[in-house]
Structures are given as C-alpha cells and as structure tokens.
C-alpha cells in the first residue's frame, strides 16, 4: 500500500495517488470523508501487476479519515499519516493529511 501526495501550486488541491496491492482481488476502492464513504466514487483501477491505483484531487489544508474496500472488506493503509478511532464504525480509520 502506498500514498503519494502532489501539491498543485496553482490550485488549492493536492493530487493524492492511492495504491494497494491485491493480486487476488476483483474490486478495490478508497472510501473516506472526501467521497462520503461511497465505494463507487473511490473506485481504483486494477493494473496488470495486480495493484489497484487511483488519483484523486482533494482540497488541501485538511485531514480525511479513509479506508480501502477490497472485495467488500475494509482495510487500513499502514502508510496513513495517523489513525483515529471512529465511534460509528467501532474501529480505527486511517487519516490522510493534505
């Protein structure tokens, strides 16, 4: 799993690339505060090497709770900036700071 951030100087956004290796998986998405936890809005594309990848423009100077959904299972990214307990979910979510 990896997260890459590219800050755009001309716009108040950060291009965030989410990558997760899941060779056996059929579907993968990233869900979080930035897309209303909607897997359809966070769909990742599967590459030939089995990695799922997607790029999203997120407003900067903010933090977002997020998780991956891989074949229906919610998974944290070990490279998240930090983790935060979420009462609603009853678990920790990864936090992305941009």
N, C-alpha and C. Protein backbone atom coordinates (compact mmCIF):
# COMPACT_ATOMS: atom_id res chain seq x y z
N UNK A 1 0.84 -1.17 0.00
CA UNK A 1 0.00 0.00 0.00
C UNK A 1 0.88 1.24 0.00
N UNK A 2 0.42 2.24 -0.70
CA UNK A 2 1.17 3.49 -0.66
C UNK A 2 0.27 4.67 -0.97
N UNK A 3 0.71 5.81 -0.49
CA UNK A 3 0.02 7.06 -0.72
C UNK A 3 1.06 8.06 -1.19
N UNK A 4 0.80 8.70 -2.34
CA UNK A 4 1.69 9.75 -2.83
C UNK A 4 0.90 11.04 -2.92
N UNK A 5 1.51 12.13 -2.47
CA UNK A 5 0.86 13.44 -2.49
C UNK A 5 1.63 14.37 -3.41
N UNK A 6 0.90 15.06 -4.27
CA UNK A 6 1.49 16.06 -5.15
C UNK A 6 0.69 17.34 -5.01
N UNK A 7 1.31 18.33 -4.38
CA UNK A 7 0.61 19.61 -4.17
C UNK A 7 0.69 20.44 -5.44
N UNK A 8 -0.45 21.01 -5.83
CA UNK A 8 -0.55 21.82 -7.04
C UNK A 8 -0.40 23.28 -6.62
N UNK A 9 0.61 23.96 -7.16
CA UNK A 9 0.89 25.34 -6.76
C UNK A 9 -0.17 26.32 -7.23
N UNK A 10 -0.82 26.02 -8.35
CA UNK A 10 -1.78 26.97 -8.92
C UNK A 10 -3.20 26.76 -8.43
N UNK A 11 -3.45 25.68 -7.69
CA UNK A 11 -4.80 25.40 -7.19
C UNK A 11 -4.71 24.96 -5.72
N UNK A 12 -5.79 25.18 -4.96
CA UNK A 12 -5.77 24.77 -3.54
C UNK A 12 -6.11 23.29 -3.35
N UNK A 13 -5.46 22.43 -4.15
CA UNK A 13 -5.72 20.99 -4.08
C UNK A 13 -4.42 20.22 -4.02
N UNK A 14 -4.56 18.97 -3.63
CA UNK A 14 -3.44 18.04 -3.62
C UNK A 14 -3.88 16.81 -4.41
N UNK A 15 -3.06 16.40 -5.39
CA UNK A 15 -3.34 15.16 -6.11
C UNK A 15 -2.81 14.02 -5.26
N UNK A 16 -3.70 13.13 -4.84
CA UNK A 16 -3.32 12.01 -4.00
C UNK A 16 -3.49 10.72 -4.79
N UNK A 17 -2.40 9.96 -4.87
CA UNK A 17 -2.43 8.66 -5.55
C UNK A 17 -2.47 7.57 -4.49
N UNK A 18 -3.52 6.78 -4.52
CA UNK A 18 -3.67 5.64 -3.62
C UNK A 18 -3.33 4.38 -4.40
N UNK A 19 -2.46 3.54 -3.84
CA UNK A 19 -2.10 2.26 -4.47
C UNK A 19 -2.20 1.15 -3.43
N UNK A 20 -2.80 0.05 -3.83
CA UNK A 20 -2.88 -1.10 -2.92
C UNK A 20 -2.68 -2.37 -3.74
N UNK A 21 -1.79 -3.22 -3.25
CA UNK A 21 -1.52 -4.48 -3.95
C UNK A 21 -2.53 -5.51 -3.48
N UNK A 22 -3.28 -6.05 -4.43
CA UNK A 22 -4.31 -7.04 -4.10
C UNK A 22 -4.51 -7.93 -5.33
N UNK A 23 -3.51 -8.75 -5.62
CA UNK A 23 -3.50 -9.55 -6.85
C UNK A 23 -4.71 -10.45 -7.02
N UNK A 24 -5.22 -11.00 -5.91
CA UNK A 24 -6.35 -11.92 -5.99
C UNK A 24 -7.70 -11.21 -5.97
N UNK A 25 -7.70 -9.92 -5.68
CA UNK A 25 -8.96 -9.18 -5.54
C UNK A 25 -9.62 -8.91 -6.89
N UNK A 26 -10.93 -8.76 -6.83
CA UNK A 26 -11.71 -8.42 -8.02
C UNK A 26 -11.98 -6.92 -8.07
N UNK A 27 -12.30 -6.34 -6.90
CA UNK A 27 -12.58 -4.91 -6.84
C UNK A 27 -11.85 -4.27 -5.66
N UNK A 28 -11.54 -2.99 -5.83
CA UNK A 28 -10.93 -2.21 -4.74
C UNK A 28 -11.34 -0.76 -4.90
N UNK A 29 -11.60 -0.12 -3.77
CA UNK A 29 -11.96 1.29 -3.73
C UNK A 29 -11.29 1.93 -2.54
N UNK A 30 -11.19 3.26 -2.57
CA UNK A 30 -10.79 4.01 -1.39
C UNK A 30 -12.02 4.84 -1.00
N UNK A 31 -12.39 4.76 0.26
CA UNK A 31 -13.56 5.49 0.75
C UNK A 31 -13.14 6.35 1.94
N UNK A 32 -13.82 7.48 2.09
CA UNK A 32 -13.48 8.34 3.21
C UNK A 32 -14.35 9.59 3.24
N UNK A 33 -13.93 10.50 4.11
CA UNK A 33 -14.65 11.76 4.26
C UNK A 33 -14.76 12.52 2.94
N UNK A 34 -13.77 12.35 2.07
CA UNK A 34 -13.70 13.11 0.82
C UNK A 34 -14.68 12.63 -0.24
N UNK A 35 -15.28 11.43 -0.08
CA UNK A 35 -16.24 10.95 -1.08
C UNK A 35 -17.47 10.31 -0.41
N UNK A 36 -17.79 10.77 0.78
CA UNK A 36 -18.98 10.30 1.52
C UNK A 36 -18.97 8.79 1.74
N UNK A 37 -17.78 8.20 1.85
CA UNK A 37 -17.62 6.77 2.10
C UNK A 37 -18.32 5.92 1.04
N UNK A 38 -18.33 6.43 -0.19
CA UNK A 38 -19.02 5.77 -1.30
C UNK A 38 -18.01 5.02 -2.17
N UNK A 39 -18.04 3.67 -2.15
CA UNK A 39 -17.08 2.90 -2.95
C UNK A 39 -17.13 3.21 -4.45
N UNK A 40 -18.30 3.55 -4.97
CA UNK A 40 -18.41 3.85 -6.40
C UNK A 40 -17.63 5.11 -6.76
N UNK A 41 -17.55 6.07 -5.84
CA UNK A 41 -16.82 7.31 -6.11
C UNK A 41 -15.32 7.16 -5.88
N UNK A 42 -14.90 6.07 -5.25
CA UNK A 42 -13.50 5.87 -4.96
C UNK A 42 -12.91 4.65 -5.64
N UNK A 43 -13.52 4.23 -6.75
CA UNK A 43 -13.05 3.03 -7.44
C UNK A 43 -11.61 3.16 -7.88
N UNK A 44 -10.85 2.11 -7.67
CA UNK A 44 -9.46 2.05 -8.10
C UNK A 44 -9.36 1.14 -9.31
N UNK A 45 -8.45 1.45 -10.21
CA UNK A 45 -8.25 0.64 -11.42
C UNK A 45 -7.21 -0.43 -11.16
N UNK A 46 -7.46 -1.63 -11.66
CA UNK A 46 -6.52 -2.73 -11.49
C UNK A 46 -5.50 -2.71 -12.62
N UNK A 47 -4.22 -2.70 -12.23
CA UNK A 47 -3.13 -2.73 -13.20
C UNK A 47 -2.73 -4.18 -13.48
N UNK A 48 -1.97 -4.40 -14.53
CA UNK A 48 -1.56 -5.75 -14.91
C UNK A 48 -0.78 -6.47 -13.81
N UNK A 49 -0.06 -5.72 -12.97
CA UNK A 49 0.75 -6.35 -11.92
C UNK A 49 -0.06 -6.70 -10.67
N UNK A 50 -1.37 -6.45 -10.70
CA UNK A 50 -2.23 -6.79 -9.57
C UNK A 50 -2.43 -5.68 -8.56
N UNK A 51 -1.83 -4.53 -8.83
CA UNK A 51 -2.00 -3.36 -7.95
C UNK A 51 -3.22 -2.58 -8.40
N UNK A 52 -3.99 -2.10 -7.45
CA UNK A 52 -5.11 -1.20 -7.73
C UNK A 52 -4.62 0.22 -7.46
N UNK A 53 -5.00 1.16 -8.34
CA UNK A 53 -4.46 2.51 -8.23
C UNK A 53 -5.52 3.53 -8.64
N UNK A 54 -5.50 4.69 -7.99
CA UNK A 54 -6.39 5.78 -8.36
C UNK A 54 -5.82 7.10 -7.89
N UNK A 55 -6.13 8.18 -8.64
CA UNK A 55 -5.67 9.52 -8.31
C UNK A 55 -6.90 10.39 -8.05
N UNK A 56 -6.84 11.12 -6.94
CA UNK A 56 -7.96 11.98 -6.55
C UNK A 56 -7.43 13.36 -6.19
N UNK A 57 -8.14 14.41 -6.60
CA UNK A 57 -7.79 15.77 -6.22
C UNK A 57 -8.59 16.12 -4.97
N UNK A 58 -7.87 16.38 -3.87
CA UNK A 58 -8.52 16.69 -2.61
C UNK A 58 -8.16 18.11 -2.17
N UNK A 59 -9.13 18.85 -1.63
CA UNK A 59 -8.82 20.18 -1.10
C UNK A 59 -7.72 20.08 -0.04
N UNK A 60 -6.72 20.98 -0.14
CA UNK A 60 -5.61 20.90 0.80
C UNK A 60 -5.91 21.64 2.09
N UNK A 61 -4.97 21.57 3.03
CA UNK A 61 -5.13 22.13 4.38
C UNK A 61 -6.28 21.48 5.11
N UNK A 62 -6.39 20.15 4.97
CA UNK A 62 -7.46 19.39 5.62
C UNK A 62 -6.95 18.00 5.96
N UNK A 63 -7.71 17.30 6.79
CA UNK A 63 -7.41 15.89 7.06
C UNK A 63 -8.66 15.08 6.80
N UNK A 64 -8.47 13.86 6.33
CA UNK A 64 -9.57 13.00 5.92
C UNK A 64 -9.40 11.60 6.51
N UNK A 65 -10.46 11.06 7.10
CA UNK A 65 -10.45 9.66 7.50
C UNK A 65 -10.74 8.83 6.25
N UNK A 66 -10.08 7.67 6.14
CA UNK A 66 -10.30 6.83 4.96
C UNK A 66 -9.95 5.38 5.25
N UNK A 67 -10.41 4.51 4.36
CA UNK A 67 -10.07 3.08 4.36
C UNK A 67 -10.14 2.59 2.92
N UNK A 68 -9.55 1.43 2.68
CA UNK A 68 -9.74 0.74 1.40
C UNK A 68 -10.86 -0.27 1.58
N UNK A 69 -11.59 -0.52 0.50
CA UNK A 69 -12.58 -1.59 0.47
C UNK A 69 -12.11 -2.55 -0.62
N UNK A 70 -11.64 -3.72 -0.19
CA UNK A 70 -11.13 -4.71 -1.13
C UNK A 70 -12.04 -5.93 -1.07
N UNK A 71 -12.74 -6.16 -2.18
CA UNK A 71 -13.74 -7.24 -2.25
C UNK A 71 -14.67 -7.21 -1.03
N UNK A 72 -15.10 -6.02 -0.64
CA UNK A 72 -16.07 -5.86 0.45
C UNK A 72 -15.47 -5.79 1.84
N UNK A 73 -14.16 -5.99 1.98
CA UNK A 73 -13.50 -5.92 3.28
C UNK A 73 -12.83 -4.56 3.47
N UNK A 74 -13.07 -3.95 4.64
CA UNK A 74 -12.49 -2.65 4.96
C UNK A 74 -11.08 -2.85 5.54
N UNK A 75 -10.09 -2.16 4.96
CA UNK A 75 -8.69 -2.33 5.35
C UNK A 75 -8.04 -0.95 5.48
N UNK A 76 -7.24 -0.77 6.54
CA UNK A 76 -6.47 0.46 6.71
C UNK A 76 -5.18 0.40 5.91
N UNK A 77 -4.67 1.56 5.54
CA UNK A 77 -3.38 1.67 4.88
C UNK A 77 -2.32 1.88 5.96
N UNK A 78 -1.35 0.99 6.04
CA UNK A 78 -0.31 1.09 7.06
C UNK A 78 0.52 2.36 6.90
N UNK A 79 0.46 3.01 5.73
CA UNK A 79 1.21 4.23 5.49
C UNK A 79 0.38 5.50 5.71
N UNK A 80 -0.78 5.37 6.34
CA UNK A 80 -1.59 6.55 6.64
C UNK A 80 -0.79 7.49 7.55
N UNK A 81 -1.09 8.79 7.48
CA UNK A 81 -0.36 9.76 8.29
C UNK A 81 -0.55 9.52 9.78
N UNK A 82 -1.75 9.09 10.14
CA UNK A 82 -2.06 8.75 11.53
C UNK A 82 -3.33 7.91 11.52
N UNK A 83 -3.78 7.50 12.70
CA UNK A 83 -5.02 6.71 12.81
C UNK A 83 -5.91 7.36 13.85
N UNK A 84 -7.23 7.23 13.65
CA UNK A 84 -8.19 7.87 14.54
C UNK A 84 -9.32 6.89 14.82
N UNK A 85 -9.69 6.78 16.12
CA UNK A 85 -10.81 5.92 16.50
C UNK A 85 -12.10 6.54 15.97
N UNK A 86 -12.95 5.72 15.38
CA UNK A 86 -14.23 6.17 14.85
C UNK A 86 -15.34 5.42 15.59
N UNK A 87 -16.11 6.15 16.39
CA UNK A 87 -17.19 5.54 17.17
C UNK A 87 -18.23 4.86 16.29
N UNK A 88 -18.59 5.52 15.18
CA UNK A 88 -19.62 4.99 14.30
C UNK A 88 -19.23 3.62 13.77
N UNK A 89 -17.98 3.50 13.32
CA UNK A 89 -17.50 2.23 12.75
C UNK A 89 -17.04 1.25 13.83
N UNK A 90 -16.72 1.77 15.03
CA UNK A 90 -16.22 0.91 16.09
C UNK A 90 -14.82 0.38 15.80
N UNK A 91 -14.02 1.16 15.08
CA UNK A 91 -12.68 0.75 14.70
C UNK A 91 -11.84 2.00 14.39
N UNK A 92 -10.56 1.80 14.17
CA UNK A 92 -9.71 2.90 13.75
C UNK A 92 -9.77 3.07 12.24
N UNK A 93 -9.71 4.32 11.81
CA UNK A 93 -9.60 4.64 10.38
C UNK A 93 -8.24 5.28 10.17
N UNK A 94 -7.72 5.12 8.96
CA UNK A 94 -6.52 5.85 8.59
C UNK A 94 -6.87 7.31 8.41
N UNK A 95 -5.89 8.19 8.63
CA UNK A 95 -6.10 9.62 8.43
C UNK A 95 -5.04 10.11 7.44
N UNK A 96 -5.53 10.86 6.45
CA UNK A 96 -4.68 11.47 5.42
C UNK A 96 -4.66 12.97 5.68
N UNK A 97 -3.46 13.56 5.78
CA UNK A 97 -3.34 15.00 5.98
C UNK A 97 -2.75 15.62 4.72
N UNK A 98 -3.49 16.57 4.16
CA UNK A 98 -3.01 17.26 2.95
C UNK A 98 -3.04 18.78 3.14
